[in-house]
């Protein structure tokens, strides 16, 4: 089955850190551009960062720049979202996305709650 499986959501205190994982099953992430999106309660889904398939170019939205980073473990076919200095405004459901030409996959979206 071709899918992205996310893990790592939960409850974190303000100022804390958390890492989300996004593992690909049934396909290789090597040729896919990777994006992370989030949807806060009552708001539309927003893209927060995206990286090219080569990993050479990464774009961050201003609200997470300097706090969030993406990394990839090719051996595990997994990408990670490291989130530092979290604040309550980061509370959202977080989705990973893999996109290549006409193919796109979404993770199931774990919830991150940041308490003040």
N, C-alpha and C. Protein backbone atom coordinates (compact mmCIF):
# COMPACT_ATOMS: atom_id res chain seq x y z
N UNK A 1 0.84 -1.19 0.00
CA UNK A 1 0.00 0.00 0.00
C UNK A 1 0.88 1.24 0.00
N UNK A 2 0.57 2.16 -0.90
CA UNK A 2 1.35 3.39 -1.02
C UNK A 2 0.79 4.41 -0.05
N UNK A 3 1.59 4.81 0.92
CA UNK A 3 1.09 5.75 1.90
C UNK A 3 2.22 6.41 2.66
N UNK A 4 1.87 7.50 3.32
CA UNK A 4 2.75 8.18 4.27
C UNK A 4 2.17 7.98 5.65
N UNK A 5 3.00 7.54 6.56
CA UNK A 5 2.56 7.29 7.92
C UNK A 5 3.29 8.25 8.85
N UNK A 6 2.52 9.08 9.52
CA UNK A 6 3.09 10.07 10.43
C UNK A 6 3.03 9.59 11.86
N UNK A 7 3.96 10.10 12.66
CA UNK A 7 3.95 9.83 14.08
C UNK A 7 4.62 10.98 14.81
N UNK A 8 4.34 11.07 16.10
CA UNK A 8 5.04 12.04 16.92
C UNK A 8 4.23 13.20 17.45
N UNK A 9 2.96 13.28 17.15
CA UNK A 9 2.16 14.37 17.69
C UNK A 9 1.94 14.21 19.19
N UNK A 10 1.34 15.21 19.80
CA UNK A 10 1.05 15.12 21.21
C UNK A 10 0.92 16.47 21.85
N UNK A 11 1.12 16.50 23.16
CA UNK A 11 0.99 17.72 23.96
C UNK A 11 2.37 18.17 24.42
N UNK A 12 2.67 19.44 24.17
CA UNK A 12 3.96 20.02 24.53
C UNK A 12 3.73 21.35 25.22
N UNK A 13 4.57 21.67 26.16
CA UNK A 13 4.48 22.98 26.80
C UNK A 13 5.12 24.05 25.93
N UNK A 14 4.66 25.25 26.08
CA UNK A 14 5.22 26.37 25.34
C UNK A 14 6.71 26.47 25.59
N UNK A 15 7.46 26.67 24.52
CA UNK A 15 8.91 26.71 24.62
C UNK A 15 9.58 25.37 24.38
N UNK A 16 8.78 24.33 24.31
CA UNK A 16 9.32 23.00 24.14
C UNK A 16 9.58 22.64 22.69
N UNK A 17 10.00 21.40 22.49
CA UNK A 17 10.34 20.90 21.16
C UNK A 17 9.65 19.57 20.90
N UNK A 18 9.51 19.28 19.64
CA UNK A 18 8.90 18.02 19.25
C UNK A 18 9.36 17.70 17.83
N UNK A 19 9.47 16.40 17.55
CA UNK A 19 9.81 15.98 16.21
C UNK A 19 8.73 15.08 15.64
N UNK A 20 8.28 15.43 14.46
CA UNK A 20 7.31 14.60 13.74
C UNK A 20 8.05 13.75 12.72
N UNK A 21 7.57 12.55 12.54
CA UNK A 21 8.13 11.65 11.54
C UNK A 21 7.10 11.37 10.46
N UNK A 22 7.60 11.15 9.26
CA UNK A 22 6.72 10.86 8.13
C UNK A 22 7.42 9.78 7.30
N UNK A 23 6.95 8.56 7.42
CA UNK A 23 7.57 7.42 6.76
C UNK A 23 6.78 7.02 5.52
N UNK A 24 7.49 6.84 4.43
CA UNK A 24 6.84 6.41 3.19
C UNK A 24 6.80 4.89 3.13
N UNK A 25 5.67 4.38 2.71
CA UNK A 25 5.50 2.94 2.57
C UNK A 25 5.07 2.63 1.14
N UNK A 26 5.79 1.73 0.50
CA UNK A 26 5.42 1.31 -0.84
C UNK A 26 6.03 2.12 -1.97
N UNK A 27 6.74 3.17 -1.64
CA UNK A 27 7.42 3.97 -2.66
C UNK A 27 8.60 4.68 -2.01
N UNK A 28 9.53 5.12 -2.86
CA UNK A 28 10.72 5.81 -2.36
C UNK A 28 10.50 7.31 -2.41
N UNK A 29 10.96 7.99 -1.37
CA UNK A 29 10.84 9.45 -1.33
C UNK A 29 11.89 10.16 -2.16
N UNK A 30 12.81 9.41 -2.74
CA UNK A 30 13.96 10.01 -3.41
C UNK A 30 13.56 11.02 -4.49
N UNK A 31 12.53 10.77 -5.23
CA UNK A 31 12.17 11.63 -6.35
C UNK A 31 10.98 12.52 -6.04
N UNK A 32 10.66 12.68 -4.76
CA UNK A 32 9.49 13.45 -4.36
C UNK A 32 9.91 14.74 -3.66
N UNK A 33 9.23 15.82 -4.01
CA UNK A 33 9.33 17.03 -3.22
C UNK A 33 8.50 16.82 -1.95
N UNK A 34 8.99 17.33 -0.85
CA UNK A 34 8.34 17.11 0.44
C UNK A 34 7.82 18.44 0.98
N UNK A 35 6.61 18.40 1.48
CA UNK A 35 6.05 19.58 2.12
C UNK A 35 5.43 19.22 3.45
N UNK A 36 5.44 20.18 4.35
CA UNK A 36 4.73 20.05 5.62
C UNK A 36 3.67 21.14 5.68
N UNK A 37 2.48 20.75 6.05
CA UNK A 37 1.35 21.65 6.15
C UNK A 37 0.76 21.52 7.55
N UNK A 38 -0.01 22.52 7.92
CA UNK A 38 -0.73 22.42 9.19
C UNK A 38 -2.07 23.11 9.08
N UNK A 39 -2.98 22.65 9.90
CA UNK A 39 -4.31 23.25 9.95
C UNK A 39 -4.69 23.47 11.40
N UNK A 40 -4.74 24.73 11.77
CA UNK A 40 -5.12 25.09 13.13
C UNK A 40 -6.64 25.07 13.25
N UNK A 41 -7.16 24.93 14.47
CA UNK A 41 -8.61 24.91 14.66
C UNK A 41 -9.29 26.13 14.07
N UNK A 42 -10.27 25.92 13.22
CA UNK A 42 -11.02 27.01 12.63
C UNK A 42 -10.31 27.75 11.52
N UNK A 43 -9.16 27.23 11.10
CA UNK A 43 -8.41 27.90 10.04
C UNK A 43 -8.18 26.97 8.86
N UNK A 44 -7.79 27.55 7.75
CA UNK A 44 -7.49 26.76 6.57
C UNK A 44 -6.11 26.12 6.69
N UNK A 45 -5.92 25.06 5.94
CA UNK A 45 -4.61 24.42 5.91
C UNK A 45 -3.60 25.36 5.27
N UNK A 46 -2.42 25.44 5.86
CA UNK A 46 -1.37 26.29 5.33
C UNK A 46 -0.09 25.48 5.15
N UNK A 47 0.65 25.82 4.12
CA UNK A 47 1.96 25.22 3.93
C UNK A 47 2.97 25.93 4.80
N UNK A 48 3.80 25.19 5.50
CA UNK A 48 4.79 25.81 6.37
C UNK A 48 6.20 25.62 5.87
N UNK A 49 6.46 24.56 5.16
CA UNK A 49 7.76 24.43 4.52
C UNK A 49 7.68 23.40 3.42
N UNK A 50 8.57 23.56 2.47
CA UNK A 50 8.65 22.58 1.38
C UNK A 50 10.09 22.48 0.93
N UNK A 51 10.46 21.32 0.48
CA UNK A 51 11.82 21.09 0.02
C UNK A 51 11.78 20.32 -1.28
N UNK A 52 12.75 20.60 -2.14
CA UNK A 52 12.80 19.95 -3.43
C UNK A 52 13.18 18.48 -3.27
N UNK A 53 13.01 17.72 -4.32
CA UNK A 53 13.31 16.29 -4.26
C UNK A 53 14.78 16.02 -3.97
N UNK A 54 15.63 16.93 -4.38
CA UNK A 54 17.07 16.77 -4.11
C UNK A 54 17.43 17.23 -2.72
N UNK A 55 16.50 17.95 -2.09
CA UNK A 55 16.79 18.50 -0.77
C UNK A 55 17.64 19.75 -0.81
N UNK A 56 17.92 20.23 -2.02
CA UNK A 56 18.81 21.37 -2.14
C UNK A 56 18.15 22.70 -1.87
N UNK A 57 16.84 22.76 -1.98
CA UNK A 57 16.13 24.02 -1.79
C UNK A 57 15.00 23.80 -0.80
N UNK A 58 14.96 24.60 0.24
CA UNK A 58 13.90 24.51 1.23
C UNK A 58 13.33 25.91 1.47
N UNK A 59 12.03 26.00 1.50
CA UNK A 59 11.35 27.26 1.77
C UNK A 59 10.54 27.12 3.05
N UNK A 60 10.61 28.16 3.87
CA UNK A 60 9.87 28.17 5.13
C UNK A 60 8.94 29.38 5.15
N UNK A 61 7.76 29.17 5.70
CA UNK A 61 6.91 30.33 5.93
C UNK A 61 7.47 31.12 7.11
N UNK A 62 7.22 32.40 7.14
CA UNK A 62 7.85 33.27 8.12
C UNK A 62 7.57 32.84 9.56
N UNK A 63 6.40 32.32 9.82
CA UNK A 63 6.02 32.00 11.19
C UNK A 63 6.84 30.86 11.79
N UNK A 64 7.49 30.05 10.98
CA UNK A 64 8.27 28.93 11.51
C UNK A 64 9.76 29.06 11.21
N UNK A 65 10.12 30.07 10.45
CA UNK A 65 11.51 30.23 10.05
C UNK A 65 12.39 30.39 11.28
N UNK A 66 13.47 29.63 11.31
CA UNK A 66 14.39 29.68 12.45
C UNK A 66 14.00 28.77 13.58
N UNK A 67 12.81 28.20 13.52
CA UNK A 67 12.35 27.31 14.60
C UNK A 67 12.14 25.87 14.11
N UNK A 68 11.69 25.73 12.89
CA UNK A 68 11.39 24.41 12.33
C UNK A 68 12.43 24.05 11.28
N UNK A 69 12.80 22.79 11.24
CA UNK A 69 13.71 22.32 10.21
C UNK A 69 13.25 20.95 9.71
N UNK A 70 13.57 20.66 8.49
CA UNK A 70 13.25 19.39 7.89
C UNK A 70 14.54 18.59 7.69
N UNK A 71 14.45 17.30 7.88
CA UNK A 71 15.57 16.42 7.59
C UNK A 71 15.04 15.13 7.00
N UNK A 72 15.94 14.35 6.48
CA UNK A 72 15.53 13.13 5.79
C UNK A 72 16.52 12.02 6.06
N UNK A 73 16.01 10.85 6.33
CA UNK A 73 16.83 9.64 6.49
C UNK A 73 16.51 8.73 5.31
N UNK A 74 17.42 8.70 4.35
CA UNK A 74 17.16 7.91 3.14
C UNK A 74 17.06 6.42 3.44
N UNK A 75 17.85 5.96 4.37
CA UNK A 75 17.85 4.54 4.70
C UNK A 75 16.50 4.10 5.28
N UNK A 76 15.86 5.02 6.00
CA UNK A 76 14.56 4.71 6.61
C UNK A 76 13.40 5.21 5.75
N UNK A 77 13.74 5.88 4.63
CA UNK A 77 12.70 6.41 3.76
C UNK A 77 11.72 7.28 4.54
N UNK A 78 12.29 8.13 5.38
CA UNK A 78 11.50 8.91 6.33
C UNK A 78 11.99 10.35 6.34
N UNK A 79 11.06 11.27 6.44
CA UNK A 79 11.40 12.67 6.66
C UNK A 79 10.93 13.09 8.03
N UNK A 80 11.60 14.09 8.57
CA UNK A 80 11.30 14.55 9.92
C UNK A 80 11.06 16.05 9.91
N UNK A 81 10.23 16.49 10.81
CA UNK A 81 10.02 17.90 11.05
C UNK A 81 10.40 18.17 12.50
N UNK A 82 11.52 18.83 12.70
CA UNK A 82 11.96 19.21 14.04
C UNK A 82 11.39 20.59 14.36
N UNK A 83 10.67 20.67 15.44
CA UNK A 83 10.01 21.91 15.83
C UNK A 83 10.52 22.36 17.19
N UNK A 84 11.10 23.53 17.24
CA UNK A 84 11.65 24.08 18.48
C UNK A 84 10.93 25.38 18.84
N UNK A 85 11.11 25.78 20.07
CA UNK A 85 10.52 27.03 20.57
C UNK A 85 9.03 27.11 20.25
N UNK A 86 8.35 26.05 20.54
CA UNK A 86 6.92 25.97 20.21
C UNK A 86 6.12 26.95 21.06
N UNK A 87 5.06 27.46 20.46
CA UNK A 87 4.14 28.35 21.18
C UNK A 87 2.71 27.93 20.87
N UNK A 88 1.75 28.41 21.64
CA UNK A 88 0.37 27.96 21.44
C UNK A 88 -0.16 28.17 20.02
N UNK A 89 0.40 29.16 19.30
CA UNK A 89 -0.05 29.39 17.93
C UNK A 89 0.37 28.27 16.97
N UNK A 90 1.25 27.38 17.45
CA UNK A 90 1.66 26.23 16.64
C UNK A 90 0.69 25.06 16.80
N UNK A 91 -0.28 25.18 17.65
CA UNK A 91 -1.26 24.11 17.83
C UNK A 91 -2.03 23.88 16.52
N UNK A 92 -1.97 22.66 16.03
CA UNK A 92 -2.58 22.36 14.73
C UNK A 92 -2.44 20.87 14.44
N UNK A 93 -3.14 20.44 13.42
CA UNK A 93 -2.91 19.13 12.85
C UNK A 93 -1.84 19.30 11.76
N UNK A 94 -0.83 18.47 11.82
CA UNK A 94 0.31 18.61 10.92
C UNK A 94 0.31 17.49 9.88
N UNK A 95 0.45 17.86 8.62
CA UNK A 95 0.41 16.90 7.53
C UNK A 95 1.71 16.94 6.73
N UNK A 96 2.25 15.79 6.42
CA UNK A 96 3.36 15.75 5.48
C UNK A 96 2.78 15.41 4.10
N UNK A 97 3.50 15.85 3.10
CA UNK A 97 3.05 15.66 1.72
C UNK A 97 4.24 15.31 0.87
N UNK A 98 4.07 14.33 0.00
CA UNK A 98 5.09 13.97 -0.97
C UNK A 98 4.50 14.15 -2.36
N UNK A 99 5.18 14.88 -3.19
CA UNK A 99 4.63 15.23 -4.50
C UNK A 99 5.67 15.03 -5.59
N UNK A 100 5.26 14.34 -6.64
CA UNK A 100 6.12 14.16 -7.81
C UNK A 100 5.24 14.13 -9.05
N UNK A 101 5.35 15.16 -9.87
CA UNK A 101 4.54 15.29 -11.08
C UNK A 101 3.07 15.12 -10.71
N UNK A 102 2.41 14.08 -11.17
CA UNK A 102 0.98 13.92 -10.92
C UNK A 102 0.67 13.07 -9.69
N UNK A 103 1.69 12.62 -9.01
CA UNK A 103 1.48 11.78 -7.84
C UNK A 103 1.66 12.60 -6.57
N UNK A 104 0.74 12.46 -5.67
CA UNK A 104 0.85 13.15 -4.39
C UNK A 104 0.27 12.27 -3.29
N UNK A 105 0.94 12.28 -2.15
CA UNK A 105 0.51 11.49 -1.01
C UNK A 105 0.48 12.39 0.22
N UNK A 106 -0.46 12.10 1.11
CA UNK A 106 -0.61 12.85 2.35
C UNK A 106 -0.52 11.91 3.54
N UNK A 107 0.12 12.40 4.60
CA UNK A 107 0.07 11.69 5.85
C UNK A 107 -1.27 11.91 6.53
N UNK A 108 -1.51 11.17 7.58
CA UNK A 108 -2.82 11.21 8.23
C UNK A 108 -3.02 12.39 9.15
N UNK A 109 -1.94 13.06 9.49
CA UNK A 109 -2.09 14.30 10.24
C UNK A 109 -2.23 14.14 11.74
N UNK A 110 -1.12 13.97 12.49
CA UNK A 110 -1.23 13.95 13.95
C UNK A 110 -1.47 15.35 14.50
N UNK A 111 -2.08 15.42 15.64
CA UNK A 111 -2.38 16.68 16.30
C UNK A 111 -1.24 17.06 17.24
N UNK A 112 -0.83 18.30 17.13
CA UNK A 112 0.11 18.88 18.09
C UNK A 112 -0.62 19.95 18.88
N UNK A 113 -0.56 19.84 20.18
CA UNK A 113 -1.15 20.84 21.06
C UNK A 113 -0.05 21.44 21.91
N UNK A 114 0.07 22.75 21.86
CA UNK A 114 1.08 23.45 22.65
C UNK A 114 0.35 24.22 23.74
N UNK A 115 0.64 23.88 24.97
CA UNK A 115 -0.01 24.53 26.10
C UNK A 115 0.79 25.74 26.56
N UNK A 116 0.09 26.75 27.04
CA UNK A 116 0.77 27.97 27.49
C UNK A 116 1.21 27.86 28.94
